[in-house]
Amino acid sequence: MTEPRPDHPPRDVWDRYWGGKAHVADVYPAVSDLLAEIARGLPDVRGRRILEVGAGTGREGHELARRGANVWALDFSPEALRLSRQISDHVRLVRGDALATPFPDASFDLVYHQGLLEHFRDPWPLLRENHRVLKPGGLVLVDVPQKYHVYTLMKHALIALNQWFAGWETQFSPGEIRALVERAGFRCERVYGYGMRPGLLYRVAREALQRWGVRLPRYPRLGPLDGWYRRWHAALRRLERSAVGPYITLTVGVVARRER
């Protein structure tokens, strides 16, 4: 993710995390949710320069590249980049520091990151670096854990027991992440939420069983109940997209624009 810092998990944390994923299919994608938000602000990505910071598998970037964008995926973990290479060779993979990226000023039309900002006790260096490499008028998308969710309680219980995989992590309310991004010099366009499908308990169970060599599908398969589950899935999708969505979902995100 970034160079080892006192306020950030050392690189070996992320190498262990990504090294435990044998295949990119082991990781939940945010492809449809994230791409929908990108498309609202950047309907045509052909020829656009896009950077994902702390990219992990970079699955969304590979889809953007397939649609014609020029995509760079930056991560400090070689294990994450190993997984990303399984997808395609259409994304430029860069091993580097999120706080000091190897790009000139105003290089990109879009910069985004998911599950990264919450690992920094001081978020400003990351957001300032995002601002630096983004072109005036360009978009930034920032996804973080949403504060008002049972995930927050579970996470802090594990942090207190020194059992959280990342050592330390915070979370944000929709208002907090919006204010943070605006203070960093961006103009917020909207706040969104996602992550209700599948539920948190299924995600936790699937992750735990993987450690024992048991692999469950990313989404439950309920046989004769699959039709019911698809309807439930669609209802949750509508709820995510509603005005209350960002306050009840696992993840909250903000879309903002650099004005100058």
Protein backbone atom coordinates (compact mmCIF):
# COMPACT_ATOMS: atom_id res chain seq x y z
CA MET A 1 0.00 0.00 0.00
CA THR A 2 2.69 2.50 1.04
CA GLU A 3 6.13 2.61 2.63
CA PRO A 4 6.18 1.47 6.28
CA ARG A 5 5.26 4.34 8.61
CA PRO A 6 4.55 4.56 12.35
CA ASP A 7 0.90 5.31 11.58
CA HIS A 8 0.45 2.66 8.91
CA PRO A 9 0.74 -1.14 8.77
CA PRO A 10 4.15 -2.27 7.52
CA ARG A 11 4.38 -3.75 4.07
CA ASP A 12 4.55 -7.34 5.33
CA VAL A 13 0.96 -6.98 6.62
CA TRP A 14 -0.24 -6.43 3.06
CA ASP A 15 2.06 -9.07 1.63
CA ARG A 16 0.57 -11.60 4.05
CA TYR A 17 -2.96 -10.45 3.24
CA TRP A 18 -2.59 -10.57 -0.53
CA GLY A 19 -0.29 -13.59 -0.36
CA GLY A 20 -3.13 -15.51 1.25
CA LYS A 21 -5.24 -15.01 -1.86
CA ALA A 22 -4.37 -17.74 -4.30
CA HIS A 23 -6.43 -16.23 -7.08
CA VAL A 24 -8.05 -12.91 -7.87
CA ALA A 25 -11.45 -14.63 -7.61
CA ASP A 26 -10.90 -14.86 -3.84
CA VAL A 27 -11.37 -11.09 -3.53
CA TYR A 28 -14.73 -9.30 -3.57
CA PRO A 29 -14.97 -6.92 -6.51
CA ALA A 30 -16.58 -3.49 -6.39
CA VAL A 31 -16.56 -3.38 -10.17
CA SER A 32 -20.22 -2.60 -10.90
CA ASP A 33 -20.62 -0.13 -8.02
CA LEU A 34 -17.42 1.75 -8.67
CA LEU A 35 -17.75 1.83 -12.45
CA ALA A 36 -21.29 3.16 -12.16
CA GLU A 37 -20.01 6.07 -10.08
CA ILE A 38 -17.13 6.72 -12.48
CA ALA A 39 -19.48 6.65 -15.47
CA ARG A 40 -21.67 9.36 -13.93
CA GLY A 41 -18.74 11.78 -13.85
CA LEU A 42 -16.70 10.42 -16.76
CA PRO A 43 -19.09 8.74 -19.22
CA ASP A 44 -16.45 8.08 -21.88
CA VAL A 45 -13.10 6.86 -20.53
CA ARG A 46 -11.51 6.25 -23.93
CA GLY A 47 -8.06 7.83 -23.96
CA ARG A 48 -8.38 9.06 -20.38
CA ARG A 49 -5.48 8.69 -17.96
CA ILE A 50 -6.59 6.92 -14.77
CA LEU A 51 -4.69 6.00 -11.60
CA GLU A 52 -5.75 3.62 -8.84
CA VAL A 53 -3.73 4.10 -5.64
CA GLY A 54 -3.28 1.14 -3.29
CA ALA A 55 -4.78 -0.88 -6.09
CA GLY A 56 -4.71 -4.40 -4.67
CA THR A 57 -5.95 -6.63 -7.47
CA GLY A 58 -6.82 -3.60 -9.60
CA ARG A 59 -9.82 -5.41 -11.04
CA GLU A 60 -11.76 -2.22 -11.74
CA GLY A 61 -8.78 -0.73 -13.54
CA HIS A 62 -8.58 -3.71 -15.87
CA GLU A 63 -12.22 -3.16 -16.83
CA LEU A 64 -11.58 0.56 -17.41
CA ALA A 65 -8.62 -0.37 -19.62
CA ARG A 66 -10.85 -2.74 -21.57
CA ARG A 67 -13.13 0.22 -22.20
CA GLY A 68 -10.27 2.21 -23.69
CA ALA A 69 -8.71 4.08 -20.75
CA ASN A 70 -4.98 4.32 -20.08
CA VAL A 71 -4.75 2.89 -16.56
CA TRP A 72 -1.97 2.79 -13.97
CA ALA A 73 -2.34 0.66 -10.81
CA LEU A 74 -0.01 1.54 -7.93
CA ASP A 75 0.58 -0.67 -4.90
CA PHE A 76 3.54 -1.26 -2.59
CA SER A 77 2.83 -4.98 -2.18
CA PRO A 78 4.33 -7.29 -4.82
CA GLU A 79 1.74 -9.90 -3.80
CA ALA A 80 -1.08 -7.54 -4.79
CA LEU A 81 0.57 -6.85 -8.12
CA ARG A 82 1.00 -10.60 -8.63
CA LEU A 83 -2.76 -11.05 -8.36
CA SER A 84 -3.41 -8.14 -10.69
CA ARG A 85 -1.24 -9.72 -13.38
CA GLN A 86 -3.62 -12.69 -13.43
CA ILE A 87 -6.33 -10.54 -15.00
CA SER A 88 -4.69 -8.98 -18.06
CA ASP A 89 -1.64 -7.09 -19.24
CA HIS A 90 -3.57 -3.96 -20.23
CA VAL A 91 -2.89 -2.05 -16.97
CA ARG A 92 0.48 -0.52 -16.13
CA LEU A 93 1.44 -1.96 -12.74
CA VAL A 94 3.62 0.26 -10.56
CA ARG A 95 5.18 -0.71 -7.26
CA GLY A 96 5.41 2.51 -5.27
CA ASP A 97 4.45 4.71 -2.35
CA ALA A 98 0.95 6.17 -2.21
CA LEU A 99 2.31 9.28 -0.48
CA ALA A 100 5.00 9.96 -3.09
CA THR A 101 3.84 8.59 -6.43
CA PRO A 102 6.32 8.63 -9.34
CA PHE A 103 4.15 10.85 -11.55
CA PRO A 104 4.40 14.51 -12.60
CA ASP A 105 1.87 17.10 -11.45
CA ALA A 106 -1.53 17.09 -13.21
CA SER A 107 -1.00 13.68 -14.82
CA PHE A 108 -4.45 12.07 -14.53
CA ASP A 109 -8.10 12.64 -15.41
CA LEU A 110 -9.22 10.33 -12.59
CA VAL A 111 -7.60 9.14 -9.36
CA TYR A 112 -9.35 6.65 -7.09
CA HIS A 113 -8.70 4.38 -4.13
CA GLN A 114 -10.73 1.89 -2.13
CA GLY A 115 -10.03 0.73 1.40
CA LEU A 116 -6.86 2.81 1.70
CA LEU A 117 -7.46 6.14 3.43
CA GLU A 118 -8.77 4.53 6.63
CA HIS A 119 -5.34 3.04 7.36
CA PHE A 120 -3.71 6.46 7.78
CA ARG A 121 -3.91 8.30 11.10
CA ASP A 122 -3.09 11.44 9.13
CA PRO A 123 -5.09 11.43 5.87
CA TRP A 124 -3.74 14.72 4.51
CA PRO A 125 -0.53 13.52 2.80
CA LEU A 126 -2.49 10.97 0.77
CA LEU A 127 -5.19 13.44 -0.26
CA ARG A 128 -2.61 16.12 -1.08
CA GLU A 129 -0.79 13.64 -3.31
CA ASN A 130 -4.09 12.76 -5.01
CA HIS A 131 -4.67 16.47 -5.63
CA ARG A 132 -1.15 16.97 -6.99
CA VAL A 133 -1.30 14.29 -9.68
CA LEU A 134 -4.88 15.07 -10.74
CA LYS A 135 -5.49 17.45 -13.62
CA PRO A 136 -7.60 20.57 -12.94
CA GLY A 137 -11.18 19.48 -13.55
CA GLY A 138 -10.28 15.84 -12.90
CA LEU A 139 -12.20 13.48 -10.62
CA VAL A 140 -11.19 11.76 -7.39
CA LEU A 141 -13.14 8.83 -5.89
CA VAL A 142 -12.46 7.81 -2.30
CA ASP A 143 -14.04 4.70 -0.71
CA VAL A 144 -13.79 4.06 3.05
CA PRO A 145 -15.55 1.97 5.73
CA GLN A 146 -18.85 3.55 6.78
CA LYS A 147 -19.01 4.44 10.48
CA TYR A 148 -22.62 3.47 11.31
CA HIS A 149 -22.27 -0.25 10.62
CA VAL A 150 -21.80 -3.38 12.72
CA TYR A 151 -18.45 -3.78 10.94
CA THR A 152 -17.17 -0.86 13.03
CA LEU A 153 -18.00 -2.64 16.30
CA MET A 154 -16.47 -5.93 15.16
CA LYS A 155 -13.34 -4.21 13.91
CA HIS A 156 -12.69 -2.23 17.08
CA ALA A 157 -13.22 -5.30 19.23
CA LEU A 158 -10.50 -7.07 17.22
CA ILE A 159 -8.24 -4.01 17.33
CA ALA A 160 -8.57 -3.94 21.14
CA LEU A 161 -7.54 -7.62 21.21
CA ASN A 162 -4.64 -6.94 18.82
CA GLN A 163 -6.23 -9.33 16.33
CA TRP A 164 -7.07 -6.95 13.48
CA PHE A 165 -5.12 -7.90 10.36
CA ALA A 166 -4.10 -4.30 9.63
CA GLY A 167 -3.25 -3.37 13.21
CA TRP A 168 -5.17 -0.09 13.13
CA GLU A 169 -8.00 1.27 11.03
CA THR A 170 -10.57 4.03 11.29
CA GLN A 171 -13.93 4.75 9.62
CA PHE A 172 -15.95 7.74 8.47
CA SER A 173 -19.52 8.95 8.41
CA PRO A 174 -20.80 10.30 5.06
CA GLY A 175 -20.48 13.84 6.41
CA GLU A 176 -16.96 13.27 7.69
CA ILE A 177 -15.54 11.89 4.46
CA ARG A 178 -17.21 14.65 2.46
CA ALA A 179 -15.79 17.37 4.73
CA LEU A 180 -12.34 15.77 4.67
CA VAL A 181 -12.16 15.70 0.88
CA GLU A 182 -13.45 19.27 0.60
CA ARG A 183 -10.83 20.49 3.09
CA ALA A 184 -8.19 18.88 0.87
CA GLY A 185 -9.17 21.25 -1.94
CA PHE A 186 -11.72 19.22 -3.90
CA ARG A 187 -15.34 20.13 -4.69
CA CYS A 188 -17.62 17.28 -3.64
CA GLU A 189 -20.19 16.22 -6.24
CA ARG A 190 -21.90 13.36 -4.41
CA VAL A 191 -21.66 10.74 -1.69
CA TYR A 192 -22.62 7.12 -2.34
CA GLY A 193 -22.73 3.79 -0.51
CA TYR A 194 -22.48 0.08 -1.32
CA GLY A 195 -21.52 -3.25 0.25
CA MET A 196 -24.81 -4.75 1.46
CA ARG A 197 -24.56 -7.68 -0.95
CA PRO A 198 -23.68 -10.22 0.32
CA GLY A 199 -24.13 -9.56 4.02
CA LEU A 200 -21.23 -9.01 6.40
CA LEU A 201 -21.69 -12.33 8.22
CA TYR A 202 -21.35 -14.29 4.98
CA ARG A 203 -18.22 -12.31 4.05
CA VAL A 204 -16.66 -12.95 7.46
CA ALA A 205 -17.51 -16.67 7.34
CA ARG A 206 -16.11 -17.00 3.83
CA GLU A 207 -12.86 -15.27 4.81
CA ALA A 208 -12.47 -17.43 7.93
CA LEU A 209 -13.11 -20.69 6.08
CA GLN A 210 -10.54 -19.81 3.41
CA ARG A 211 -7.88 -20.04 6.11
CA TRP A 212 -8.90 -23.67 6.63
CA GLY A 213 -8.83 -24.44 2.93
CA VAL A 214 -12.62 -24.26 2.49
CA ARG A 215 -13.64 -22.01 -0.40
CA LEU A 216 -17.15 -20.67 -0.60
CA PRO A 217 -18.50 -18.79 -3.64
CA ARG A 218 -18.40 -14.99 -3.39
CA TYR A 219 -22.20 -14.96 -3.24
CA PRO A 220 -24.44 -17.58 -1.58
CA ARG A 221 -25.90 -20.34 -3.75
CA LEU A 222 -29.23 -21.33 -2.32
CA GLY A 223 -30.50 -23.82 -4.88
CA PRO A 224 -34.32 -23.62 -4.95
CA LEU A 225 -34.14 -20.35 -3.00
CA ASP A 226 -31.96 -18.61 -5.58
CA GLY A 227 -34.95 -16.80 -7.09
CA TRP A 228 -35.86 -15.39 -3.69
CA TYR A 229 -32.25 -14.40 -3.09
CA ARG A 230 -32.05 -12.53 -6.42
CA ARG A 231 -35.17 -10.53 -5.53
CA TRP A 232 -33.71 -9.76 -2.10
CA HIS A 233 -30.45 -8.77 -3.79
CA ALA A 234 -32.31 -6.36 -6.10
CA ALA A 235 -34.15 -4.81 -3.15
CA LEU A 236 -30.86 -4.21 -1.34
CA ARG A 237 -29.45 -2.63 -4.48
CA ARG A 238 -32.33 -0.14 -4.57
CA LEU A 239 -31.78 0.63 -0.88
CA GLU A 240 -28.07 1.24 -1.47
CA ARG A 241 -28.93 3.78 -4.16
CA SER A 242 -31.47 5.62 -2.01
CA ALA A 243 -30.81 8.72 0.09
CA VAL A 244 -30.26 6.59 3.21
CA GLY A 245 -27.84 4.23 1.46
CA PRO A 246 -24.58 5.94 2.50
CA TYR A 247 -25.67 5.77 6.16
CA ILE A 248 -26.36 2.02 6.30
CA THR A 249 -23.95 0.42 3.84
CA LEU A 250 -20.62 -1.21 4.63
CA THR A 251 -18.73 1.25 2.44
CA VAL A 252 -19.21 4.96 1.83
CA GLY A 253 -17.60 6.83 -1.02
CA VAL A 254 -17.27 10.37 -2.28
CA VAL A 255 -16.88 11.69 -5.81
CA ALA A 256 -15.14 15.06 -5.99
CA ARG A 257 -13.47 17.28 -8.55
CA ARG A 258 -10.26 19.27 -8.55
CA GLU A 259 -11.19 22.79 -9.58
CA ARG A 260 -7.72 24.29 -10.00
